[in-house]
Structures are given as C-alpha cells and as structure tokens.
Amino acid sequence: MEYFRLMQSGLSVYQAEIPQLRRDTGILRPGAYAKLLHKGTGSAAYQIKNTVLTDFIEEPVFLVSDELFLVLEMYEPALENCTVLFFGGEEGKAQRYRQIVPDVLPCLSDRSEFFKDYSLKRLVFSESGIGRAKVFCAKGILSRQIFISLDVAESILRRNFSGIAMNKIETE
C-alpha cells in the first residue's frame, strides 16, 4: 500500500488572520494530538476577517472543511472530530470546519532516520504497524502530521479542494 502526508499547501496564509487559534484554551487548544475537550457540546465559533479559508488547515490544530471531512469519513468512519464555525471571512458567511484527531499508530520502520535534535530526517513506514487505517498520525514523530492511504489521496484529488498538498511516504 502507498501512503501520503496530507499537508497544507504553501499558498495558505490563514495564521495571521485567525489569531484566536493560537491563544484558545477551549476546544481548539494547541499541542500535539490534543484530545477533544467538551465532547458534549462538540463545537466552537470564531470571528475572522479578510481571510479565504482553504479545505485543510494544518496548524495549530488539524482543521478540515466539512466537504473534506465527508471524504475522510468515508474511509475512516470513527475519525474523532468536533465542529468549528468561522464567521465573516472574505465571503462574509459562516464556514463549517471539523477539528480532527486521527489515531496515532506505531508505524515507523527501523529504517526511519532522525537528526540529533530528534527531528525527522527520513520517514519510512512499516505497513504492519498501520493495519487497515486510512487516516492516521505516526507515533514517534515530534511534529504533528497526518497521513493518508492511496485510496484516500485519490479520492481527494478527484475533487476540487484548495490548499492541499501531498508527499509520498516510503514504505517497507
């Protein structure tokens, strides 16, 4: 099986326009693999200005548009998520997003390499650690990254999503 890192394309400049995401201590708290707080309410709302939001926002938490979430959910029905609404923006209307928290899998191969500061030098997956997962994070990586299987990547590419890039990951 082939796997890809799901990334925000370099054209996205949302962070300066949505500063609340950096400061918030509620549902959208910063931090690696934050678990959803307030599962009972399951939503949050933010005011934005002069921003065109893309379908995937990688930092400070994983946010996907409602449309992209529907694609991910087809392949990973139990994907943990909560609703986030952005009001305002370039179109002046509410935009619905989902904060997602994929499962963290022990899928790094012994062939993966790290720099002295433990940042990633070369990423190699062991398919045995992934199993049947289609949307996941890798245990043992300092930076927050989402990975998807080939069928999910193809499904995303068939649709007209914006702000998304993918890099193929080496497997053994």
N, C-alpha and C. Protein backbone atom coordinates (compact mmCIF):
# COMPACT_ATOMS: atom_id res chain seq x y z
N MET A 1 0.85 -1.18 0.00
CA MET A 1 0.00 0.00 0.00
C MET A 1 0.90 1.24 0.00
N GLU A 2 0.42 2.29 -0.59
CA GLU A 2 1.15 3.56 -0.61
C GLU A 2 0.47 4.55 0.34
N TYR A 3 1.30 5.42 0.95
CA TYR A 3 0.80 6.40 1.91
C TYR A 3 1.37 7.77 1.58
N PHE A 4 0.62 8.80 1.98
CA PHE A 4 0.99 10.17 1.70
C PHE A 4 0.80 11.03 2.94
N ARG A 5 1.66 12.04 3.06
CA ARG A 5 1.46 13.03 4.11
C ARG A 5 0.50 14.07 3.55
N LEU A 6 -0.57 14.34 4.28
CA LEU A 6 -1.53 15.38 3.91
C LEU A 6 -1.03 16.69 4.50
N MET A 7 -0.83 17.70 3.64
CA MET A 7 -0.24 18.96 4.10
C MET A 7 -1.05 20.13 3.57
N GLN A 8 -0.86 21.24 4.24
CA GLN A 8 -1.42 22.49 3.76
C GLN A 8 -0.46 23.03 2.72
N SER A 9 -0.97 23.44 1.57
CA SER A 9 -0.09 23.96 0.52
C SER A 9 0.53 25.27 0.97
N GLY A 10 1.65 25.62 0.39
CA GLY A 10 2.37 26.82 0.76
C GLY A 10 1.65 28.11 0.44
N LEU A 11 0.54 28.03 -0.28
CA LEU A 11 -0.19 29.24 -0.66
C LEU A 11 -1.11 29.75 0.43
N SER A 12 -1.29 28.99 1.50
CA SER A 12 -2.25 29.35 2.54
C SER A 12 -1.60 30.27 3.56
N VAL A 13 -2.29 31.35 3.89
CA VAL A 13 -1.75 32.32 4.85
C VAL A 13 -2.78 32.65 5.91
N TYR A 14 -3.40 31.66 6.49
CA TYR A 14 -4.51 31.89 7.41
C TYR A 14 -4.05 32.30 8.80
N GLN A 15 -2.86 31.91 9.26
CA GLN A 15 -2.49 32.05 10.66
C GLN A 15 -2.54 33.49 11.16
N ALA A 16 -2.05 34.42 10.36
CA ALA A 16 -2.07 35.81 10.80
C ALA A 16 -3.49 36.35 10.87
N GLU A 17 -4.39 35.75 10.15
CA GLU A 17 -5.76 36.24 10.08
C GLU A 17 -6.67 35.62 11.14
N ILE A 18 -6.27 34.52 11.76
CA ILE A 18 -7.09 33.86 12.77
C ILE A 18 -6.26 33.66 14.03
N PRO A 19 -5.89 34.74 14.71
CA PRO A 19 -5.01 34.64 15.86
C PRO A 19 -5.64 33.91 17.04
N GLN A 20 -6.97 33.83 17.12
CA GLN A 20 -7.61 33.16 18.25
C GLN A 20 -7.17 31.70 18.37
N LEU A 21 -6.86 31.07 17.25
CA LEU A 21 -6.48 29.66 17.29
C LEU A 21 -5.20 29.45 18.10
N ARG A 22 -4.34 30.41 18.11
CA ARG A 22 -3.09 30.30 18.87
C ARG A 22 -3.32 30.46 20.37
N ARG A 23 -4.30 31.27 20.76
CA ARG A 23 -4.49 31.59 22.17
C ARG A 23 -5.55 30.74 22.85
N ASP A 24 -6.39 30.12 22.09
CA ASP A 24 -7.57 29.48 22.66
C ASP A 24 -7.21 28.32 23.58
N THR A 25 -7.92 28.20 24.66
CA THR A 25 -7.69 27.10 25.60
C THR A 25 -8.91 26.19 25.70
N GLY A 26 -9.85 26.37 24.80
CA GLY A 26 -11.05 25.54 24.79
C GLY A 26 -10.89 24.36 23.87
N ILE A 27 -11.82 24.17 22.99
CA ILE A 27 -11.79 23.01 22.10
C ILE A 27 -10.55 23.02 21.23
N LEU A 28 -10.17 24.18 20.70
CA LEU A 28 -9.03 24.25 19.79
C LEU A 28 -7.75 24.59 20.53
N ARG A 29 -7.37 23.80 21.49
CA ARG A 29 -6.14 24.11 22.21
C ARG A 29 -4.93 23.62 21.41
N PRO A 30 -3.86 24.40 21.38
CA PRO A 30 -2.65 23.96 20.68
C PRO A 30 -2.03 22.77 21.38
N GLY A 31 -1.20 22.03 20.69
CA GLY A 31 -0.50 20.90 21.28
C GLY A 31 -0.61 19.68 20.40
N ALA A 32 0.37 18.83 20.50
CA ALA A 32 0.39 17.63 19.67
C ALA A 32 -0.74 16.68 20.05
N TYR A 33 -1.53 16.31 19.09
CA TYR A 33 -2.60 15.33 19.23
C TYR A 33 -3.54 15.65 20.39
N ALA A 34 -3.98 16.89 20.45
CA ALA A 34 -4.89 17.31 21.52
C ALA A 34 -6.17 16.49 21.42
N LYS A 35 -6.61 16.00 22.53
CA LYS A 35 -7.89 15.29 22.56
C LYS A 35 -9.00 16.32 22.61
N LEU A 36 -10.12 15.97 22.09
CA LEU A 36 -11.22 16.93 22.06
C LEU A 36 -11.73 17.17 23.47
N LEU A 37 -11.86 18.44 23.80
CA LEU A 37 -12.47 18.81 25.07
C LEU A 37 -13.95 19.03 24.82
N HIS A 38 -14.72 19.14 25.81
CA HIS A 38 -16.15 19.44 25.67
C HIS A 38 -16.85 18.53 24.67
N LYS A 39 -16.67 17.24 24.78
CA LYS A 39 -17.32 16.35 23.82
C LYS A 39 -18.83 16.50 23.83
N GLY A 40 -19.38 16.96 24.93
CA GLY A 40 -20.82 17.16 25.00
C GLY A 40 -21.30 18.25 24.07
N THR A 41 -20.58 19.39 24.03
CA THR A 41 -21.00 20.47 23.15
C THR A 41 -20.50 20.24 21.74
N GLY A 42 -19.26 19.83 21.60
CA GLY A 42 -18.72 19.46 20.30
C GLY A 42 -18.65 20.56 19.27
N SER A 43 -18.58 21.83 19.68
CA SER A 43 -18.47 22.89 18.68
C SER A 43 -17.81 24.12 19.27
N ALA A 44 -17.30 24.97 18.38
CA ALA A 44 -16.70 26.25 18.76
C ALA A 44 -16.93 27.20 17.60
N ALA A 45 -16.89 28.51 17.87
CA ALA A 45 -17.09 29.50 16.81
C ALA A 45 -16.05 30.60 16.94
N TYR A 46 -15.59 31.13 15.79
CA TYR A 46 -14.57 32.16 15.74
C TYR A 46 -14.93 33.19 14.69
N GLN A 47 -14.62 34.45 14.97
CA GLN A 47 -14.81 35.54 14.01
C GLN A 47 -13.51 35.72 13.24
N ILE A 48 -13.58 35.82 11.92
CA ILE A 48 -12.39 36.02 11.09
C ILE A 48 -12.61 37.23 10.19
N LYS A 49 -11.50 37.79 9.69
CA LYS A 49 -11.58 38.95 8.81
C LYS A 49 -10.64 38.77 7.63
N ASN A 50 -11.08 39.18 6.46
CA ASN A 50 -10.24 39.22 5.25
C ASN A 50 -9.46 37.92 5.03
N THR A 51 -10.13 36.81 5.14
CA THR A 51 -9.47 35.52 5.02
C THR A 51 -10.22 34.62 4.07
N VAL A 52 -9.48 33.97 3.20
CA VAL A 52 -10.05 32.91 2.38
C VAL A 52 -9.54 31.62 2.98
N LEU A 53 -10.43 30.84 3.55
CA LEU A 53 -10.02 29.60 4.20
C LEU A 53 -9.91 28.48 3.17
N THR A 54 -8.87 27.67 3.30
CA THR A 54 -8.69 26.53 2.42
C THR A 54 -9.35 25.30 3.05
N ASP A 55 -9.34 24.20 2.32
CA ASP A 55 -10.02 23.00 2.80
C ASP A 55 -9.24 22.26 3.88
N PHE A 56 -7.95 22.56 4.05
CA PHE A 56 -7.15 21.91 5.08
C PHE A 56 -6.28 22.94 5.77
N ILE A 57 -6.38 23.01 7.09
CA ILE A 57 -5.56 23.89 7.91
C ILE A 57 -4.77 22.99 8.86
N GLU A 58 -3.46 23.07 8.76
CA GLU A 58 -2.58 22.14 9.48
C GLU A 58 -2.17 22.62 10.87
N GLU A 59 -2.02 23.90 11.05
CA GLU A 59 -1.54 24.45 12.31
C GLU A 59 -2.50 25.50 12.84
N PRO A 60 -2.68 25.63 14.09
CA PRO A 60 -2.09 24.90 15.21
C PRO A 60 -2.79 23.58 15.53
N VAL A 61 -3.97 23.35 14.95
CA VAL A 61 -4.66 22.07 15.08
C VAL A 61 -5.12 21.66 13.69
N PHE A 62 -5.42 20.38 13.51
CA PHE A 62 -5.89 19.92 12.21
C PHE A 62 -7.35 20.32 12.02
N LEU A 63 -7.60 21.16 11.02
CA LEU A 63 -8.95 21.56 10.67
C LEU A 63 -9.20 21.23 9.21
N VAL A 64 -10.33 20.61 8.92
CA VAL A 64 -10.69 20.30 7.54
C VAL A 64 -12.08 20.87 7.26
N SER A 65 -12.29 21.27 6.03
CA SER A 65 -13.61 21.76 5.65
C SER A 65 -14.62 20.63 5.79
N ASP A 66 -15.87 20.98 5.91
CA ASP A 66 -16.92 19.97 6.03
C ASP A 66 -16.91 19.01 4.84
N GLU A 67 -16.65 19.54 3.65
CA GLU A 67 -16.63 18.71 2.44
C GLU A 67 -15.47 17.71 2.48
N LEU A 68 -14.29 18.17 2.91
CA LEU A 68 -13.14 17.27 3.02
C LEU A 68 -13.37 16.25 4.12
N PHE A 69 -14.00 16.66 5.20
CA PHE A 69 -14.30 15.72 6.28
C PHE A 69 -15.19 14.58 5.78
N LEU A 70 -16.16 14.87 4.93
CA LEU A 70 -17.03 13.82 4.40
C LEU A 70 -16.23 12.78 3.62
N VAL A 71 -15.21 13.22 2.90
CA VAL A 71 -14.35 12.28 2.16
C VAL A 71 -13.55 11.44 3.15
N LEU A 72 -12.93 12.07 4.14
CA LEU A 72 -12.14 11.33 5.12
C LEU A 72 -13.01 10.34 5.90
N GLU A 73 -14.22 10.76 6.21
CA GLU A 73 -15.14 9.92 6.97
C GLU A 73 -15.58 8.68 6.19
N MET A 74 -15.61 8.76 4.86
CA MET A 74 -15.94 7.58 4.05
C MET A 74 -14.94 6.46 4.30
N TYR A 75 -13.69 6.82 4.51
CA TYR A 75 -12.63 5.83 4.69
C TYR A 75 -12.32 5.54 6.16
N GLU A 76 -12.60 6.48 7.02
CA GLU A 76 -12.31 6.35 8.45
C GLU A 76 -13.54 6.82 9.23
N PRO A 77 -14.60 5.99 9.29
CA PRO A 77 -15.87 6.41 9.91
C PRO A 77 -15.76 6.81 11.39
N ALA A 78 -14.80 6.27 12.10
CA ALA A 78 -14.67 6.57 13.53
C ALA A 78 -13.72 7.73 13.80
N LEU A 79 -13.40 8.54 12.78
CA LEU A 79 -12.46 9.64 12.95
C LEU A 79 -13.01 10.65 13.97
N GLU A 80 -12.27 10.83 15.05
CA GLU A 80 -12.70 11.73 16.13
C GLU A 80 -12.69 13.17 15.62
N ASN A 81 -13.78 13.92 15.89
CA ASN A 81 -13.88 15.27 15.36
C ASN A 81 -14.84 16.11 16.18
N CYS A 82 -14.75 17.42 16.00
CA CYS A 82 -15.75 18.34 16.53
C CYS A 82 -15.91 19.49 15.54
N THR A 83 -17.05 20.11 15.58
CA THR A 83 -17.39 21.17 14.63
C THR A 83 -16.81 22.51 15.07
N VAL A 84 -16.30 23.26 14.10
CA VAL A 84 -15.78 24.59 14.32
C VAL A 84 -16.40 25.50 13.26
N LEU A 85 -16.97 26.62 13.68
CA LEU A 85 -17.55 27.57 12.73
C LEU A 85 -16.70 28.83 12.68
N PHE A 86 -16.44 29.30 11.45
CA PHE A 86 -15.76 30.58 11.25
C PHE A 86 -16.77 31.53 10.64
N PHE A 87 -16.97 32.68 11.29
CA PHE A 87 -17.91 33.69 10.81
C PHE A 87 -17.15 34.84 10.19
N GLY A 88 -17.67 35.39 9.12
CA GLY A 88 -17.02 36.51 8.45
C GLY A 88 -16.26 36.02 7.26
N GLY A 89 -14.98 36.32 7.22
CA GLY A 89 -14.15 35.89 6.10
C GLY A 89 -14.43 36.69 4.86
N GLU A 90 -13.84 36.28 3.77
CA GLU A 90 -13.96 37.01 2.52
C GLU A 90 -15.38 37.01 1.99
N GLU A 91 -16.10 35.92 2.15
CA GLU A 91 -17.46 35.83 1.63
C GLU A 91 -18.49 36.35 2.63
N GLY A 92 -18.10 36.61 3.87
CA GLY A 92 -19.00 37.17 4.86
C GLY A 92 -20.04 36.21 5.38
N LYS A 93 -19.81 34.92 5.29
CA LYS A 93 -20.77 33.95 5.79
C LYS A 93 -20.07 32.95 6.69
N ALA A 94 -20.85 32.11 7.34
CA ALA A 94 -20.29 31.09 8.23
C ALA A 94 -19.72 29.94 7.40
N GLN A 95 -18.55 29.47 7.79
CA GLN A 95 -17.94 28.31 7.15
C GLN A 95 -17.72 27.25 8.21
N ARG A 96 -18.18 26.04 7.92
CA ARG A 96 -18.11 24.94 8.88
C ARG A 96 -16.87 24.09 8.63
N TYR A 97 -16.12 23.88 9.69
CA TYR A 97 -14.91 23.05 9.65
C TYR A 97 -15.02 21.99 10.73
N ARG A 98 -14.12 21.01 10.66
CA ARG A 98 -14.03 19.98 11.70
C ARG A 98 -12.59 19.91 12.19
N GLN A 99 -12.44 19.91 13.50
CA GLN A 99 -11.14 19.60 14.08
C GLN A 99 -11.09 18.08 14.13
N ILE A 100 -10.04 17.51 13.55
CA ILE A 100 -9.93 16.05 13.55
C ILE A 100 -8.74 15.61 14.41
N VAL A 101 -8.92 14.46 15.03
CA VAL A 101 -7.87 13.87 15.86
C VAL A 101 -7.72 12.41 15.42
N PRO A 102 -6.86 12.17 14.42
CA PRO A 102 -6.68 10.80 13.94
C PRO A 102 -5.98 9.92 14.98
N ASP A 103 -6.16 8.62 14.85
CA ASP A 103 -5.45 7.67 15.71
C ASP A 103 -3.95 7.80 15.49
N VAL A 104 -3.18 7.59 16.54
CA VAL A 104 -1.72 7.62 16.47
C VAL A 104 -1.24 6.17 16.46
N LEU A 105 -0.56 5.79 15.37
CA LEU A 105 -0.16 4.40 15.17
C LEU A 105 1.35 4.23 15.28
N PRO A 106 1.81 3.11 15.84
CA PRO A 106 3.26 2.83 15.92
C PRO A 106 3.73 2.23 14.59
N CYS A 107 3.87 3.06 13.57
CA CYS A 107 4.12 2.56 12.22
C CYS A 107 5.49 2.92 11.66
N LEU A 108 6.36 3.51 12.47
CA LEU A 108 7.68 3.87 11.96
C LEU A 108 8.54 2.63 11.78
N SER A 109 9.22 2.58 10.67
CA SER A 109 10.15 1.48 10.39
C SER A 109 11.48 1.76 11.08
N ASP A 110 12.25 0.73 11.28
CA ASP A 110 13.60 0.90 11.83
C ASP A 110 14.50 1.68 10.87
N ARG A 111 14.08 1.76 9.62
CA ARG A 111 14.85 2.50 8.60
C ARG A 111 14.59 4.00 8.65
N SER A 112 13.64 4.46 9.47
CA SER A 112 13.41 5.90 9.64
C SER A 112 14.64 6.50 10.30
N GLU A 113 14.99 7.73 9.91
CA GLU A 113 16.19 8.37 10.45
C GLU A 113 15.82 9.71 11.07
N PHE A 114 16.56 10.08 12.13
CA PHE A 114 16.31 11.32 12.84
C PHE A 114 17.61 12.11 12.99
N PHE A 115 17.47 13.43 13.05
CA PHE A 115 18.61 14.29 13.34
C PHE A 115 18.90 14.21 14.84
N LYS A 116 20.00 14.82 15.29
CA LYS A 116 20.38 14.79 16.71
C LYS A 116 19.33 15.44 17.60
N ASP A 117 18.58 16.41 17.07
CA ASP A 117 17.53 17.05 17.87
C ASP A 117 16.20 16.29 17.78
N TYR A 118 16.24 15.09 17.26
CA TYR A 118 15.09 14.18 17.12
C TYR A 118 14.07 14.62 16.08
N SER A 119 14.42 15.62 15.29
CA SER A 119 13.53 15.96 14.17
C SER A 119 13.74 14.93 13.06
N LEU A 120 12.78 14.82 12.21
CA LEU A 120 12.75 13.77 11.21
C LEU A 120 13.70 14.06 10.05
N LYS A 121 14.53 13.08 9.72
CA LYS A 121 15.45 13.18 8.59
C LYS A 121 14.90 12.37 7.42
N ARG A 122 14.46 11.16 7.69
CA ARG A 122 13.92 10.26 6.66
C ARG A 122 12.80 9.45 7.29
N LEU A 123 11.64 9.48 6.66
CA LEU A 123 10.47 8.78 7.19
C LEU A 123 10.20 7.54 6.36
N VAL A 124 10.14 6.40 7.04
CA VAL A 124 9.81 5.13 6.40
C VAL A 124 8.77 4.45 7.27
N PHE A 125 7.68 4.01 6.65
CA PHE A 125 6.62 3.32 7.37
C PHE A 125 6.78 1.82 7.26
N SER A 126 6.39 1.13 8.33
CA SER A 126 6.26 -0.31 8.33
C SER A 126 4.76 -0.61 8.20
N GLU A 127 4.36 -1.25 7.13
CA GLU A 127 2.94 -1.48 6.87
C GLU A 127 2.27 -2.30 7.96
N SER A 128 3.03 -3.12 8.66
CA SER A 128 2.43 -3.94 9.72
C SER A 128 1.90 -3.09 10.87
N GLY A 129 2.48 -1.93 11.09
CA GLY A 129 2.02 -1.04 12.16
C GLY A 129 0.79 -0.22 11.78
N ILE A 130 0.50 -0.17 10.49
CA ILE A 130 -0.63 0.64 10.02
C ILE A 130 -1.92 -0.15 9.98
N GLY A 131 -1.82 -1.40 9.63
CA GLY A 131 -3.02 -2.24 9.54
C GLY A 131 -3.96 -1.73 8.47
N ARG A 132 -5.24 -1.56 8.83
CA ARG A 132 -6.24 -1.12 7.86
C ARG A 132 -6.55 0.38 7.96
N ALA A 133 -5.78 1.11 8.74
CA ALA A 133 -6.04 2.54 8.93
C ALA A 133 -5.86 3.29 7.62
N LYS A 134 -6.71 4.27 7.39
CA LYS A 134 -6.68 5.07 6.16
C LYS A 134 -6.28 6.52 6.43
N VAL A 135 -6.56 7.02 7.64
CA VAL A 135 -6.22 8.38 8.07
C VAL A 135 -5.62 8.25 9.46
N PHE A 136 -4.37 8.67 9.64
CA PHE A 136 -3.70 8.42 10.92
C PHE A 136 -2.53 9.36 11.12
N CYS A 137 -1.99 9.37 12.34
CA CYS A 137 -0.75 10.05 12.68
C CYS A 137 0.25 8.96 13.07
N ALA A 138 1.53 9.27 13.00
CA ALA A 138 2.57 8.29 13.31
C ALA A 138 3.16 8.57 14.68
N LYS A 139 3.24 7.54 15.49
CA LYS A 139 3.85 7.65 16.82
C LYS A 139 5.36 7.75 16.66
N GLY A 140 5.98 8.63 17.45
CA GLY A 140 7.43 8.75 17.43
C GLY A 140 7.95 9.92 16.61
N ILE A 141 7.05 10.72 16.04
CA ILE A 141 7.44 11.90 15.29
C ILE A 141 7.13 13.13 16.14
N LEU A 142 8.09 14.03 16.27
CA LEU A 142 7.87 15.22 17.10
C LEU A 142 6.85 16.16 16.49
N SER A 143 6.90 16.37 15.18
CA SER A 143 5.96 17.30 14.55
C SER A 143 4.62 16.60 14.30
N ARG A 144 3.57 17.39 14.28
CA ARG A 144 2.22 16.88 14.04
C ARG A 144 2.02 16.72 12.55
N GLN A 145 1.71 15.52 12.11
CA GLN A 145 1.49 15.26 10.69
C GLN A 145 0.37 14.25 10.53
N ILE A 146 -0.42 14.43 9.46
CA ILE A 146 -1.48 13.48 9.12
C ILE A 146 -1.06 12.71 7.89
N PHE A 147 -1.33 11.41 7.92
CA PHE A 147 -1.01 10.55 6.79
C PHE A 147 -2.28 9.88 6.30
N ILE A 148 -2.33 9.65 4.98
CA ILE A 148 -3.50 9.03 4.36
C ILE A 148 -3.04 7.94 3.40
N SER A 149 -3.92 6.98 3.17
CA SER A 149 -3.61 5.91 2.23
C SER A 149 -3.85 6.38 0.80
N LEU A 150 -3.39 5.60 -0.15
CA LEU A 150 -3.51 5.95 -1.57
C LEU A 150 -4.95 6.16 -2.00
N ASP A 151 -5.86 5.29 -1.55
CA ASP A 151 -7.26 5.44 -1.98
C ASP A 151 -7.88 6.75 -1.46
N VAL A 152 -7.51 7.16 -0.27
CA VAL A 152 -7.99 8.44 0.26
C VAL A 152 -7.40 9.59 -0.55
N ALA A 153 -6.10 9.50 -0.85
CA ALA A 153 -5.43 10.54 -1.64
C ALA A 153 -6.08 10.69 -3.02
N GLU A 154 -6.37 9.57 -3.66
CA GLU A 154 -7.01 9.62 -4.98
C GLU A 154 -8.39 10.25 -4.90
N SER A 155 -9.12 9.92 -3.86
CA SER A 155 -10.47 10.47 -3.68
C SER A 155 -10.42 11.97 -3.47
N ILE A 156 -9.43 12.45 -2.73
CA ILE A 156 -9.27 13.88 -2.50
C ILE A 156 -8.90 14.59 -3.80
N LEU A 157 -8.00 13.98 -4.58
CA LEU A 157 -7.55 14.60 -5.82
C LEU A 157 -8.65 14.67 -6.88
N ARG A 158 -9.64 13.80 -6.80
CA ARG A 158 -10.75 13.82 -7.76
C ARG A 158 -11.71 14.98 -7.51
N ARG A 159 -11.59 15.60 -6.38
CA ARG A 159 -12.49 16.70 -6.03
C ARG A 159 -11.75 18.03 -6.12
N ASN A 160 -12.49 19.10 -6.09
CA ASN A 160 -11.91 20.43 -6.28
C ASN A 160 -11.59 21.10 -4.94
N PHE A 161 -10.68 20.50 -4.16
CA PHE A 161 -10.29 21.08 -2.88
C PHE A 161 -9.14 22.07 -3.09
N SER A 162 -9.04 23.03 -2.18
CA SER A 162 -7.97 24.02 -2.28
C SER A 162 -7.07 23.96 -1.05
N GLY A 163 -5.82 24.37 -1.24
CA GLY A 163 -4.88 24.47 -0.13
C GLY A 163 -4.34 23.15 0.37
N ILE A 164 -4.36 22.12 -0.48
CA ILE A 164 -3.92 20.79 -0.06
C ILE A 164 -2.72 20.36 -0.90
N ALA A 165 -1.72 19.81 -0.23
CA ALA A 165 -0.56 19.21 -0.90
C ALA A 165 -0.34 17.83 -0.29
N MET A 166 0.34 16.96 -1.02
CA MET A 166 0.62 15.61 -0.53
C MET A 166 2.03 15.21 -0.91
N ASN A 167 2.71 14.51 0.00
CA ASN A 167 4.03 13.95 -0.26
C ASN A 167 3.97 12.45 -0.02
N LYS A 168 4.51 11.69 -0.95
CA LYS A 168 4.52 10.23 -0.81
C LYS A 168 5.52 9.81 0.27
N ILE A 169 5.14 8.80 1.05
CA ILE A 169 5.97 8.29 2.14
C ILE A 169 6.53 6.92 1.73
N GLU A 170 7.79 6.73 2.03
CA GLU A 170 8.44 5.45 1.74
C GLU A 170 7.91 4.37 2.68
N THR A 171 7.69 3.16 2.16
CA THR A 171 7.21 2.05 2.99
C THR A 171 8.07 0.81 2.80
N GLU A 172 7.97 -0.07 3.78
CA GLU A 172 8.67 -1.36 3.65
C GLU A 172 7.72 -2.50 3.94
